[in-house]
C-alpha atoms as a PDB file:
ATOM      1  CA  MET A   1       8.368  26.745  39.315  1.00  0.00           C
ATOM      2  CA  ALA A   2       7.156  29.941  37.552  1.00  0.00           C
ATOM      3  CA  ALA A   3       3.435  30.712  38.074  1.00  0.00           C
ATOM      4  CA  PRO A   4       1.378  29.855  35.063  1.00  0.00           C
ATOM      5  CA  ARG A   5       0.680  32.764  33.031  1.00  0.00           C
ATOM      6  CA  ASP A   6      -3.012  33.710  31.677  1.00  0.00           C
ATOM      7  CA  THR A   7      -3.152  31.898  28.202  1.00  0.00           C
ATOM      8  CA  ALA A   8      -4.138  34.714  26.468  1.00  0.00           C
ATOM      9  CA  VAL A   9      -0.390  36.122  27.108  1.00  0.00           C
ATOM     10  CA  VAL A  10       1.078  32.988  26.374  1.00  0.00           C
ATOM     11  CA  VAL A  11      -0.281  32.671  23.120  1.00  0.00           C
ATOM     12  CA  ARG A  12       0.504  36.225  21.981  1.00  0.00           C
ATOM     13  CA  ALA A  13       4.309  35.680  22.958  1.00  0.00           C
ATOM     14  CA  ALA A  14       3.882  32.691  21.017  1.00  0.00           C
ATOM     15  CA  ARG A  15       2.705  34.139  18.055  1.00  0.00           C
ATOM     16  CA  LEU A  16       5.036  36.900  17.993  1.00  0.00           C
ATOM     17  CA  TYR A  17       7.960  34.847  18.424  1.00  0.00           C
ATOM     18  CA  TYR A  18       7.331  31.734  16.105  1.00  0.00           C
ATOM     19  CA  GLU A  19       5.092  33.332  13.387  1.00  0.00           C
ATOM     20  CA  GLN A  20       6.220  36.951  13.270  1.00  0.00           C
ATOM     21  CA  ARG A  21      10.264  35.665  13.715  1.00  0.00           C
ATOM     22  CA  ARG A  22      10.563  38.338  16.520  1.00  0.00           C
ATOM     23  CA  SER A  23      13.251  38.213  18.718  1.00  0.00           C
ATOM     24  CA  GLN A  24      12.903  37.730  22.628  1.00  0.00           C
ATOM     25  CA  THR A  25      14.089  41.113  23.201  1.00  0.00           C
ATOM     26  CA  GLN A  26      11.929  42.569  20.906  1.00  0.00           C
ATOM     27  CA  VAL A  27       8.714  40.267  22.350  1.00  0.00           C
ATOM     28  CA  ALA A  28       9.400  41.637  25.558  1.00  0.00           C
ATOM     29  CA  GLN A  29       9.336  45.157  24.508  1.00  0.00           C
ATOM     30  CA  ASP A  30       6.080  44.582  22.702  1.00  0.00           C
ATOM     31  CA  LEU A  31       4.859  43.013  26.086  1.00  0.00           C
ATOM     32  CA  GLY A  32       6.499  45.198  28.648  1.00  0.00           C
ATOM     33  CA  LEU A  33       7.801  42.034  30.286  1.00  0.00           C
ATOM     34  CA  SER A  34      11.483  41.444  30.711  1.00  0.00           C
ATOM     35  CA  ARG A  35      13.525  38.743  28.676  1.00  0.00           C
ATOM     36  CA  SER A  36      13.643  36.317  31.408  1.00  0.00           C
ATOM     37  CA  ASN A  37       9.611  36.414  31.705  1.00  0.00           C
ATOM     38  CA  VAL A  38       9.303  36.065  27.755  1.00  0.00           C
ATOM     39  CA  SER A  39      11.752  32.714  28.023  1.00  0.00           C
ATOM     40  CA  ARG A  40       9.843  31.698  31.003  1.00  0.00           C
ATOM     41  CA  ILE A  41       6.349  32.021  28.776  1.00  0.00           C
ATOM     42  CA  LEU A  42       7.880  30.594  25.791  1.00  0.00           C
ATOM     43  CA  THR A  43       8.422  27.456  27.655  1.00  0.00           C
ATOM     44  CA  GLN A  44       5.122  27.376  29.107  1.00  0.00           C
ATOM     45  CA  ALA A  45       3.713  27.706  25.491  1.00  0.00           C
ATOM     46  CA  ARG A  46       5.428  24.430  24.950  1.00  0.00           C
ATOM     47  CA  ASP A  47       4.812  22.286  27.735  1.00  0.00           C
ATOM     48  CA  ARG A  48       0.745  23.796  27.679  1.00  0.00           C
ATOM     49  CA  GLY A  49       0.499  21.939  24.500  1.00  0.00           C
ATOM     50  CA  ILE A  50       0.087  25.693  23.052  1.00  0.00           C
ATOM     51  CA  VAL A  51       3.577  25.129  20.713  1.00  0.00           C
ATOM     52  CA  GLU A  52       4.340  22.183  19.123  1.00  0.00           C
ATOM     53  CA  ILE A  53       7.812  21.795  17.628  1.00  0.00           C
ATOM     54  CA  THR A  54       8.441  19.342  14.492  1.00  0.00           C
ATOM     55  CA  ILE A  55      11.794  18.300  13.130  1.00  0.00           C
ATOM     56  CA  HIS A  56      11.359  17.032   9.721  1.00  0.00           C
ATOM     57  CA  ASP A  57      14.929  15.249   8.547  1.00  0.00           C
ATOM     58  CA  PRO A  58      15.050  15.230   4.934  1.00  0.00           C
ATOM     59  CA  ASP A  59      17.411  12.059   5.427  1.00  0.00           C
ATOM     60  CA  GLY A  60      15.261  10.541   7.649  1.00  0.00           C
ATOM     61  CA  PRO A  61      12.678   7.434   7.478  1.00  0.00           C
ATOM     62  CA  PRO A  62       9.061   8.197   5.743  1.00  0.00           C
ATOM     63  CA  ARG A  63       7.090   9.751   8.455  1.00  0.00           C
ATOM     64  CA  ARG A  64       3.368   8.571   9.082  1.00  0.00           C
ATOM     65  CA  ASP A  65       0.583  10.067   9.560  1.00  0.00           C
ATOM     66  CA  GLU A  66      -0.996   8.557  12.482  1.00  0.00           C
ATOM     67  CA  PRO A  67      -4.514  10.603  12.726  1.00  0.00           C
ATOM     68  CA  LEU A  68      -4.993   9.803   9.199  1.00  0.00           C
ATOM     69  CA  GLU A  69      -4.052   6.173  10.123  1.00  0.00           C
ATOM     70  CA  ALA A  70      -6.304   5.763  12.298  1.00  0.00           C
ATOM     71  CA  ALA A  71      -9.369   7.068  10.664  1.00  0.00           C
ATOM     72  CA  LEU A  72      -8.644   4.795   7.660  1.00  0.00           C
ATOM     73  CA  ARG A  73      -8.195   1.783   9.908  1.00  0.00           C
ATOM     74  CA  ALA A  74     -11.279   2.934  11.650  1.00  0.00           C
ATOM     75  CA  ALA A  75     -12.977   3.490   8.251  1.00  0.00           C
ATOM     76  CA  PHE A  76     -12.275   0.577   6.663  1.00  0.00           C
ATOM     77  CA  SER A  77     -12.234  -1.989   9.436  1.00  0.00           C
ATOM     78  CA  LEU A  78      -8.185  -2.448   8.817  1.00  0.00           C
ATOM     79  CA  ARG A  79      -6.267  -3.596  11.350  1.00  0.00           C
ATOM     80  CA  GLU A  80      -2.916  -2.227  10.868  1.00  0.00           C
ATOM     81  CA  ALA A  81      -2.695   1.578   8.110  1.00  0.00           C
ATOM     82  CA  HIS A  82       0.340   2.786   7.140  1.00  0.00           C
ATOM     83  CA  VAL A  83       0.515   6.556   5.393  1.00  0.00           C
ATOM     84  CA  VAL A  84       3.927   7.710   4.753  1.00  0.00           C
ATOM     85  CA  SER A  85       5.842  10.801   3.143  1.00  0.00           C
ATOM     86  CA  ALA A  86       9.266  12.068   3.491  1.00  0.00           C
ATOM     87  CA  PRO A  87      10.293  15.764   2.869  1.00  0.00           C
ATOM     88  CA  ARG A  88      12.281  15.322  -0.044  1.00  0.00           C
ATOM     89  CA  ALA A  89      11.401  11.354  -1.234  1.00  0.00           C
ATOM     90  CA  THR A  90       8.516  11.029  -4.357  1.00  0.00           C
ATOM     91  CA  ALA A  91       5.598   9.079  -2.979  1.00  0.00           C
ATOM     92  CA  MET A  92       7.149   6.094  -4.594  1.00  0.00           C
ATOM     93  CA  GLU A  93      10.438   6.276  -2.847  1.00  0.00           C
ATOM     94  CA  SER A  94       8.579   6.931   0.381  1.00  0.00           C
ATOM     95  CA  VAL A  95       6.491   3.784   0.215  1.00  0.00           C
ATOM     96  CA  ALA A  96       8.797   1.396  -0.770  1.00  0.00           C
ATOM     97  CA  ARG A  97      11.170   2.559   2.056  1.00  0.00           C
ATOM     98  CA  GLU A  98       8.229   1.719   4.421  1.00  0.00           C
ATOM     99  CA  GLY A  99       6.883  -1.548   2.710  1.00  0.00           C
ATOM    100  CA  ALA A 100      10.403  -2.907   2.920  1.00  0.00           C
ATOM    101  CA  ALA A 101      10.276  -2.191   6.602  1.00  0.00           C
ATOM    102  CA  VAL A 102       7.404  -3.892   6.870  1.00  0.00           C
ATOM    103  CA  ILE A 103       8.333  -6.996   5.027  1.00  0.00           C
ATOM    104  CA  ALA A 104      11.360  -7.279   6.713  1.00  0.00           C
ATOM    105  CA  GLU A 105       9.150  -7.161   9.990  1.00  0.00           C
ATOM    106  CA  ARG A 106       6.846 -10.348   8.896  1.00  0.00           C
ATOM    107  CA  ALA A 107       9.315 -12.222   6.963  1.00  0.00           C
ATOM    108  CA  ALA A 108      10.687 -13.446   9.950  1.00  0.00           C
ATOM    109  CA  THR A 109       7.066 -14.921  11.294  1.00  0.00           C
ATOM    110  CA  VAL A 110       5.654 -16.446   8.533  1.00  0.00           C
ATOM    111  CA  ARG A 111       6.328 -19.660   6.442  1.00  0.00           C
ATOM    112  CA  SER A 112       5.596 -18.897   3.390  1.00  0.00           C
ATOM    113  CA  ILE A 113       4.956 -15.585   0.816  1.00  0.00           C
ATOM    114  CA  GLY A 114       3.574 -14.903  -1.739  1.00  0.00           C
ATOM    115  CA  VAL A 115       4.033 -12.229  -4.294  1.00  0.00           C
ATOM    116  CA  SER A 116       2.564 -10.036  -7.821  1.00  0.00           C
ATOM    117  CA  TRP A 117       4.438  -8.070  -9.710  1.00  0.00           C
ATOM    118  CA  GLY A 118       4.035  -4.038 -10.734  1.00  0.00           C
ATOM    119  CA  ARG A 119       5.948  -0.833 -10.748  1.00  0.00           C
ATOM    120  CA  THR A 120       5.109  -0.352  -6.605  1.00  0.00           C
ATOM    121  CA  VAL A 121       5.848  -3.837  -5.355  1.00  0.00           C
ATOM    122  CA  GLN A 122       9.209  -3.585  -7.635  1.00  0.00           C
ATOM    123  CA  ASN A 123      10.232  -0.760  -6.075  1.00  0.00           C
ATOM    124  CA  VAL A 124       9.425  -1.956  -2.286  1.00  0.00           C
ATOM    125  CA  VAL A 125      11.395  -5.234  -3.482  1.00  0.00           C
ATOM    126  CA  ALA A 126      14.108  -3.056  -4.447  1.00  0.00           C
ATOM    127  CA  GLN A 127      14.627  -1.408  -0.886  1.00  0.00           C
ATOM    128  CA  LEU A 128      14.552  -4.143   1.006  1.00  0.00           C
ATOM    129  CA  ASP A 129      17.777  -5.259   2.759  1.00  0.00           C
ATOM    130  CA  THR A 130      19.485  -8.931   2.308  1.00  0.00           C
ATOM    131  CA  LEU A 131      17.551 -10.858   5.447  1.00  0.00           C
ATOM    132  CA  SER A 132      19.544 -14.108   7.222  1.00  0.00           C
ATOM    133  CA  LEU A 133      16.372 -15.771   8.037  1.00  0.00           C
ATOM    134  CA  ARG A 134      16.301 -19.350  10.106  1.00  0.00           C
ATOM    135  CA  PRO A 135      13.978 -21.025   8.498  1.00  0.00           C
ATOM    136  CA  THR A 136      13.719 -19.088   5.212  1.00  0.00           C
ATOM    137  CA  PRO A 137      10.046 -19.062   3.920  1.00  0.00           C
ATOM    138  CA  GLN A 138       9.040 -20.498   0.879  1.00  0.00           C
ATOM    139  CA  VAL A 139       8.953 -17.679  -1.792  1.00  0.00           C
ATOM    140  CA  LEU A 140       5.675 -18.070  -4.467  1.00  0.00           C
ATOM    141  CA  PRO A 141       4.195 -15.952  -7.348  1.00  0.00           C
ATOM    142  CA  LEU A 142       0.619 -14.819  -6.664  1.00  0.00           C
ATOM    143  CA  VAL A 143       0.395 -14.562 -10.478  1.00  0.00           C
ATOM    144  CA  GLY A 144       2.106 -16.050 -13.935  1.00  0.00           C
ATOM    145  CA  GLY A 145       5.268 -13.786 -15.517  1.00  0.00           C
ATOM    146  CA  HIS A 146       5.151 -10.638 -16.823  1.00  0.00           C
ATOM    147  CA  SER A 147       8.504  -9.337 -18.853  1.00  0.00           C
ATOM    148  CA  ALA A 148       7.456  -5.669 -19.147  1.00  0.00           C
ATOM    149  CA  LEU A 149       5.815  -5.483 -15.347  1.00  0.00           C
ATOM    150  CA  ASP A 150       8.128  -8.406 -13.665  1.00  0.00           C
ATOM    151  CA  GLN A 151      11.790  -7.478 -14.401  1.00  0.00           C
ATOM    152  CA  PHE A 152      14.332  -5.276 -13.187  1.00  0.00           C
ATOM    153  CA  ASP A 153      17.086  -3.742 -15.123  1.00  0.00           C
ATOM    154  CA  SER A 154      19.115  -6.736 -14.400  1.00  0.00           C
ATOM    155  CA  GLY A 155      16.873  -9.184 -15.907  1.00  0.00           C
ATOM    156  CA  GLU A 156      15.846 -10.917 -12.652  1.00  0.00           C
ATOM    157  CA  SER A 157      11.992 -11.067 -11.697  1.00  0.00           C
ATOM    158  CA  VAL A 158      10.472  -9.390  -8.433  1.00  0.00           C
ATOM    159  CA  LEU A 159       9.887 -13.204  -7.572  1.00  0.00           C
ATOM    160  CA  LYS A 160      13.407 -14.116  -8.048  1.00  0.00           C
ATOM    161  CA  VAL A 161      15.077 -10.617  -6.219  1.00  0.00           C
ATOM    162  CA  LEU A 162      12.617 -11.301  -3.196  1.00  0.00           C
ATOM    163  CA  ALA A 163      13.701 -14.620  -2.668  1.00  0.00           C
ATOM    164  CA  SER A 164      17.500 -13.837  -2.783  1.00  0.00           C
ATOM    165  CA  ARG A 165      16.673 -11.039  -0.222  1.00  0.00           C
ATOM    166  CA  LEU A 166      14.908 -13.598   1.853  1.00  0.00           C
ATOM    167  CA  GLY A 167      17.854 -16.422   1.548  1.00  0.00           C
ATOM    168  CA  ALA A 168      14.874 -18.578  -0.353  1.00  0.00           C
ATOM    169  CA  THR A 169      14.526 -19.982  -3.085  1.00  0.00           C
ATOM    170  CA  PRO A 170      11.374 -19.369  -5.157  1.00  0.00           C
ATOM    171  CA  ARG A 171       8.794 -21.700  -6.512  1.00  0.00           C
ATOM    172  CA  THR A 172       8.634 -20.486 -10.585  1.00  0.00           C
ATOM    173  CA  LEU A 173       5.700 -20.297 -12.020  1.00  0.00           C
ATOM    174  CA  TYR A 174       6.619 -21.178 -15.729  1.00  0.00           C
ATOM    175  CA  ALA A 175       3.280 -19.213 -17.716  1.00  0.00           C
ATOM    176  CA  PRO A 176       2.178 -15.781 -18.771  1.00  0.00           C
ATOM    177  CA  ALA A 177       0.536 -13.863 -16.554  1.00  0.00           C
ATOM    178  CA  VAL A 178      -1.936 -12.596 -19.406  1.00  0.00           C
ATOM    179  CA  LEU A 179      -3.610 -14.456 -22.085  1.00  0.00           C
ATOM    180  CA  GLU A 180      -6.158 -13.277 -24.998  1.00  0.00           C
ATOM    181  CA  SER A 181      -8.654 -16.761 -24.329  1.00  0.00           C
ATOM    182  CA  ALA A 182      -9.703 -17.375 -21.252  1.00  0.00           C
ATOM    183  CA  THR A 183     -10.069 -21.234 -22.807  1.00  0.00           C
ATOM    184  CA  THR A 184      -6.303 -20.681 -22.705  1.00  0.00           C
ATOM    185  CA  VAL A 185      -5.760 -20.284 -19.119  1.00  0.00           C
ATOM    186  CA  ALA A 186      -8.495 -22.617 -18.404  1.00  0.00           C
ATOM    187  CA  THR A 187      -6.035 -25.210 -20.115  1.00  0.00           C
ATOM    188  CA  LEU A 188      -3.250 -24.089 -18.523  1.00  0.00           C
ATOM    189  CA  ARG A 189      -4.776 -24.223 -14.738  1.00  0.00           C
ATOM    190  CA  ALA A 190      -5.532 -28.016 -15.302  1.00  0.00           C
ATOM    191  CA  GLU A 191      -1.767 -28.346 -16.231  1.00  0.00           C
ATOM    192  CA  SER A 192      -0.375 -29.795 -12.743  1.00  0.00           C
ATOM    193  CA  SER A 193       3.060 -28.012 -12.853  1.00  0.00           C
ATOM    194  CA  ILE A 194       0.979 -24.655 -13.472  1.00  0.00           C
ATOM    195  CA  GLY A 195      -2.175 -25.828 -11.217  1.00  0.00           C
ATOM    196  CA  GLU A 196      -0.166 -27.241  -8.019  1.00  0.00           C
ATOM    197  CA  VAL A 197       1.843 -23.592  -7.579  1.00  0.00           C
ATOM    198  CA  LEU A 198      -1.185 -21.509  -7.787  1.00  0.00           C
ATOM    199  CA  ALA A 199      -2.928 -23.751  -5.113  1.00  0.00           C
ATOM    200  CA  ALA A 200       0.184 -23.216  -3.038  1.00  0.00           C
ATOM    201  CA  ALA A 201      -0.056 -19.607  -3.740  1.00  0.00           C
ATOM    202  CA  ALA A 202      -3.381 -19.200  -2.417  1.00  0.00           C
ATOM    203  CA  GLN A 203      -2.193 -21.157   0.608  1.00  0.00           C
ATOM    204  CA  VAL A 204       0.882 -18.249   1.629  1.00  0.00           C
ATOM    205  CA  GLU A 205       1.066 -16.780   5.020  1.00  0.00           C
ATOM    206  CA  LEU A 206       1.829 -13.383   3.965  1.00  0.00           C
ATOM    207  CA  ALA A 207       0.554 -11.852   0.332  1.00  0.00           C
ATOM    208  CA  ILE A 208       2.522  -9.000  -1.217  1.00  0.00           C
ATOM    209  CA  VAL A 209       0.557  -7.032  -3.416  1.00  0.00           C
ATOM    210  CA  GLY A 210       0.305  -3.674  -6.308  1.00  0.00           C
ATOM    211  CA  ILE A 211      -2.929  -1.856  -6.497  1.00  0.00           C
ATOM    212  CA  GLY A 212      -2.937  -0.355  -9.287  1.00  0.00           C
ATOM    213  CA  SER A 213      -4.599   2.370 -10.929  1.00  0.00           C
ATOM    214  CA  SER A 214      -6.583   2.017 -13.903  1.00  0.00           C
ATOM    215  CA  GLY A 215      -5.243   3.422 -17.437  1.00  0.00           C
ATOM    216  CA  VAL A 216      -1.792   3.799 -16.051  1.00  0.00           C
ATOM    217  CA  HIS A 217       1.280   1.849 -15.491  1.00  0.00           C
ATOM    218  CA  SER A 218       0.730  -2.089 -15.525  1.00  0.00           C
ATOM    219  CA  SER A 219      -3.386  -1.664 -16.076  1.00  0.00           C
ATOM    220  CA  THR A 220      -2.449  -0.550 -19.546  1.00  0.00           C
ATOM    221  CA  HIS A 221       0.031  -3.222 -19.730  1.00  0.00           C
ATOM    222  CA  VAL A 222      -2.094  -5.715 -19.063  1.00  0.00           C
ATOM    223  CA  LEU A 223      -5.048  -4.851 -21.345  1.00  0.00           C
ATOM    224  CA  ASP A 224      -2.724  -4.358 -24.508  1.00  0.00           C
ATOM    225  CA  LEU A 225      -1.831  -8.258 -23.957  1.00  0.00           C
ATOM    226  CA  MET A 226      -5.374  -9.282 -23.934  1.00  0.00           C
ATOM    227  CA  ARG A 227      -6.450  -8.509 -27.020  1.00  0.00           C
ATOM    228  CA  LEU A 228      -9.833  -7.217 -26.211  1.00  0.00           C
ATOM    229  CA  SER A 229     -12.143  -6.636 -29.040  1.00  0.00           C
ATOM    230  CA  GLU A 230     -13.832  -3.588 -29.859  1.00  0.00           C
ATOM    231  CA  SER A 231     -17.187  -4.679 -28.108  1.00  0.00           C
ATOM    232  CA  GLU A 232     -15.283  -6.551 -25.035  1.00  0.00           C
ATOM    233  CA  ARG A 233     -13.641  -3.217 -24.616  1.00  0.00           C
ATOM    234  CA  ALA A 234     -16.634  -1.394 -24.379  1.00  0.00           C
ATOM    235  CA  ALA A 235     -17.997  -4.300 -21.854  1.00  0.00           C
ATOM    236  CA  PHE A 236     -14.762  -3.357 -19.744  1.00  0.00           C
ATOM    237  CA  GLU A 237     -15.320  -0.338 -19.778  1.00  0.00           C
ATOM    238  CA  ALA A 238     -18.502  -0.040 -18.828  1.00  0.00           C
ATOM    239  CA  GLN A 239     -17.876  -2.054 -15.498  1.00  0.00           C
ATOM    240  CA  GLN A 240     -16.230   1.606 -15.016  1.00  0.00           C
ATOM    241  CA  PRO A 241     -12.702   0.041 -13.640  1.00  0.00           C
ATOM    242  CA  ALA A 242     -11.110   1.766 -10.969  1.00  0.00           C
ATOM    243  CA  GLY A 243      -7.595  -0.436 -10.682  1.00  0.00           C
ATOM    244  CA  ASP A 244      -6.292  -3.757 -10.413  1.00  0.00           C
ATOM    245  CA  VAL A 245      -4.653  -6.357  -7.872  1.00  0.00           C
ATOM    246  CA  CYS A 246      -2.894  -9.453  -9.278  1.00  0.00           C
ATOM    247  CA  GLY A 247      -3.906  -8.123 -13.039  1.00  0.00           C
ATOM    248  CA  ARG A 248      -7.633  -8.724 -12.009  1.00  0.00           C
ATOM    249  CA  PHE A 249      -9.425  -5.964 -12.049  1.00  0.00           C
ATOM    250  CA  ILE A 250     -11.851  -3.932  -9.499  1.00  0.00           C
ATOM    251  CA  ASP A 251     -14.302  -0.478  -9.767  1.00  0.00           C
ATOM    252  CA  ALA A 252     -14.016   2.056  -7.261  1.00  0.00           C
ATOM    253  CA  TYR A 253     -16.139   0.259  -4.436  1.00  0.00           C
ATOM    254  CA  GLY A 254     -13.760  -2.248  -4.565  1.00  0.00           C
ATOM    255  CA  VAL A 255     -16.029  -4.895  -6.586  1.00  0.00           C
ATOM    256  CA  PRO A 256     -14.273  -7.307  -8.801  1.00  0.00           C
ATOM    257  CA  LEU A 257     -15.020  -7.250 -12.574  1.00  0.00           C
ATOM    258  CA  GLY A 258     -15.919 -10.286 -14.551  1.00  0.00           C
ATOM    259  CA  ALA A 259     -15.877 -10.777 -18.204  1.00  0.00           C
ATOM    260  CA  PRO A 260     -14.401 -10.342 -20.237  1.00  0.00           C
ATOM    261  CA  THR A 261     -10.608  -9.275 -18.436  1.00  0.00           C
ATOM    262  CA  ASP A 262     -11.439 -11.495 -15.331  1.00  0.00           C
ATOM    263  CA  GLN A 263     -10.894 -15.164 -17.025  1.00  0.00           C
ATOM    264  CA  ARG A 264      -8.089 -13.993 -19.347  1.00  0.00           C
ATOM    265  CA  VAL A 265      -5.291 -13.486 -16.027  1.00  0.00           C
ATOM    266  CA  LEU A 266      -3.406 -16.892 -14.668  1.00  0.00           C
ATOM    267  CA  ALA A 267      -3.056 -15.861 -11.341  1.00  0.00           C
ATOM    268  CA  VAL A 268      -4.741 -15.965  -7.608  1.00  0.00           C
ATOM    269  CA  THR A 269      -8.362 -15.239  -7.823  1.00  0.00           C
ATOM    270  CA  PHE A 270     -10.097 -12.809  -5.639  1.00  0.00           C
ATOM    271  CA  SER A 271     -11.682 -15.280  -3.705  1.00  0.00           C
ATOM    272  CA  GLU A 272      -8.323 -17.043  -2.871  1.00  0.00           C
ATOM    273  CA  LEU A 273      -6.553 -13.275  -1.788  1.00  0.00           C
ATOM    274  CA  LEU A 274      -9.699 -12.892   0.506  1.00  0.00           C
ATOM    275  CA  ARG A 275      -8.712 -16.418   2.405  1.00  0.00           C
ATOM    276  CA  ILE A 276      -5.024 -15.844   2.631  1.00  0.00           C
ATOM    277  CA  PRO A 277      -4.349 -14.483   6.396  1.00  0.00           C
ATOM    278  CA  GLU A 278      -2.337 -11.015   5.779  1.00  0.00           C
ATOM    279  CA  VAL A 279      -2.543  -9.340   2.293  1.00  0.00           C
ATOM    280  CA  LEU A 280       0.249  -6.640   1.907  1.00  0.00           C
ATOM    281  CA  GLY A 281      -0.714  -4.158  -0.350  1.00  0.00           C
ATOM    282  CA  VAL A 282       1.403  -1.049  -1.789  1.00  0.00           C
ATOM    283  CA  ALA A 283       0.188   2.179  -3.667  1.00  0.00           C
ATOM    284  CA  ALA A 284       1.795   5.208  -4.287  1.00  0.00           C
ATOM    285  CA  GLY A 285       0.479   8.794  -5.368  1.00  0.00           C
ATOM    286  CA  ALA A 286      -2.531  10.447  -5.818  1.00  0.00           C
ATOM    287  CA  LYS A 287      -3.481   8.096  -8.584  1.00  0.00           C
ATOM    288  CA  GLY A 288      -2.728   5.269  -6.820  1.00  0.00           C
ATOM    289  CA  ALA A 289      -5.400   6.136  -4.192  1.00  0.00           C
ATOM    290  CA  GLY A 290      -8.568   5.931  -5.752  1.00  0.00           C
ATOM    291  CA  CYS A 291      -8.178   2.205  -6.811  1.00  0.00           C
ATOM    292  CA  ALA A 292      -6.899   2.108  -2.756  1.00  0.00           C
ATOM    293  CA  ARG A 293      -9.822   2.901  -1.454  1.00  0.00           C
ATOM    294  CA  GLY A 294     -11.510   0.750  -3.663  1.00  0.00           C
ATOM    295  CA  ALA A 295      -9.494  -2.282  -2.154  1.00  0.00           C
ATOM    296  CA  ALA A 296      -9.920  -1.086   1.414  1.00  0.00           C
ATOM    297  CA  GLN A 297     -13.470  -0.587   1.225  1.00  0.00           C
ATOM    298  CA  ARG A 298     -13.853  -4.604   0.376  1.00  0.00           C
ATOM    299  CA  SER A 299     -11.692  -5.626   3.758  1.00  0.00           C
ATOM    300  CA  ASP A 300     -13.255  -7.662   5.882  1.00  0.00           C
ATOM    301  CA  PRO A 301     -11.886  -7.806   9.452  1.00  0.00           C
ATOM    302  CA  HIS A 302     -13.111 -11.375   9.817  1.00  0.00           C
ATOM    303  CA  ARG A 303     -12.020 -12.942   6.383  1.00  0.00           C
ATOM    304  CA  ARG A 304     -15.611 -13.361   5.614  1.00  0.00           C
ATOM    305  CA  VAL A 305     -17.920 -13.057   2.535  1.00  0.00           C
ATOM    306  CA  ARG A 306     -20.188  -9.660   3.114  1.00  0.00           C
ATOM    307  CA  ARG A 307     -22.712  -8.701   1.333  1.00  0.00           C
ATOM    308  CA  ARG A 308     -24.433  -4.823   1.123  1.00  0.00           C
ATOM    309  CA  PRO A 309     -27.786  -4.080  -0.198  1.00  0.00           C
ATOM    310  CA  GLY A 310     -28.695  -3.550  -3.560  1.00  0.00           C
ATOM    311  CA  PRO A 311     -27.365  -5.115  -7.127  1.00  0.00           C
ATOM    312  CA  ARG A 312     -23.687  -4.545  -6.085  1.00  0.00           C
ATOM    313  CA  GLY A 313     -24.249  -6.735  -2.806  1.00  0.00           C
ATOM    314  CA  ALA A 314     -23.790 -10.089  -4.699  1.00  0.00           C
ATOM    315  CA  ARG A 315     -20.154 -10.163  -5.103  1.00  0.00           C
ATOM    316  CA  PRO A 316     -17.638 -10.929  -2.525  1.00  0.00           C
ATOM    317  CA  ARG A 317     -15.680  -8.168  -0.820  1.00  0.00           C
ATOM    318  CA  LEU A 318     -11.744  -8.137  -1.876  1.00  0.00           C
ATOM    319  CA  ASN A 319      -9.947  -8.251   1.517  1.00  0.00           C
ATOM    320  CA  ALA A 320      -6.820  -5.978   0.982  1.00  0.00           C
ATOM    321  CA  ARG A 321      -4.023  -3.582   2.417  1.00  0.00           C
ATOM    322  CA  ALA A 322      -3.461  -0.617   0.021  1.00  0.00           C
ATOM    323  CA  GLY A 323      -1.908   2.713   0.264  1.00  0.00           C
ATOM    324  CA  LEU A 324      -4.417   5.570   0.301  1.00  0.00           C
ATOM    325  CA  SER A 325      -3.352   8.818   0.261  1.00  0.00           C
ATOM    326  CA  SER A 326      -2.884  11.929  -1.835  1.00  0.00           C
ATOM    327  CA  ARG A 327       1.226  11.236  -1.098  1.00  0.00           C
ATOM    328  CA  ALA A 328       2.122   8.096  -0.715  1.00  0.00           C
ATOM    329  CA  GLY A 329       0.700   5.226   1.816  1.00  0.00           C
ATOM    330  CA  GLN A 330       0.239   1.492   2.704  1.00  0.00           C
ATOM    331  CA  LEU A 331      -2.490  -0.579   4.696  1.00  0.00           C
ATOM    332  CA  ARG A 332      -2.965  -4.010   6.133  1.00  0.00           C
ATOM    333  CA  PRO A 333      -6.129  -5.088   7.044  1.00  0.00           C
ATOM    334  CA  ASP A 334      -7.540  -7.679   9.683  1.00  0.00           C
ATOM    335  CA  PRO A 335      -6.749 -11.167   8.808  1.00  0.00           C
END
């Protein structure tokens, strides 16, 4: 084996060859060495970790950013985090492929799955291959229906497509997700056909939720459907919404917002979501990162309600797994 070269010589040869694109013959001339010596030096550069070579396959699976994932797990007490991107894919495409892979892995280990709606969740479900599971998990809606947010081009809902890919028959919630009146929401919840489905959804072993960003995509539709008055809209904006999960809004710290919006959503509550053993949250792109960060800040590795000093400490933390990256991401918290 060739004797190790001085580090300065190895670095100099590596810079000439890799950064300045010189041939090995040219590097040998510059350093006063033989070509065979340069070849051995470049091999040493790789073996000693001075040079690292990364291959980016444009058609391969999304790449994961392991250092950032580790930082997110440590910062937000998360059990698992996925931060992904692909050279020729958009943030949404990367997250959808990774999210589908996680669902395929987890679906075989749980007895029940709950799903919300939204653009990112829809893309994740679209990427999911048809699975042959025995037994098949029960599939339930975490939130009522919304034609603008809960349908593929075929007209099928996210719930039905997910169930079809898992070989299951979904339990359907025949009620809208968002209403103009809090009283109407309470009345519908009291109906056994609706209340029983929501109660069962709150008991699922795996929840799949999108983490939306305020002012774009689903959050805009949700607000429009609520028909907020001018004063109600002002009260809503005063709470500084950052995004939404299952149609319910949170601020940048992950604190769930209250009236007037929270009482107009027909869905599992944040408290119920907190108690679900595993929540898979997906978000894509820079705009989704802000709300994902807030949701992650409310995560709790022991699934307890924690409190923090100050007036915000009186509200429960949301245990969520969120995408958190300027390009794409997906997180899963400790159940």
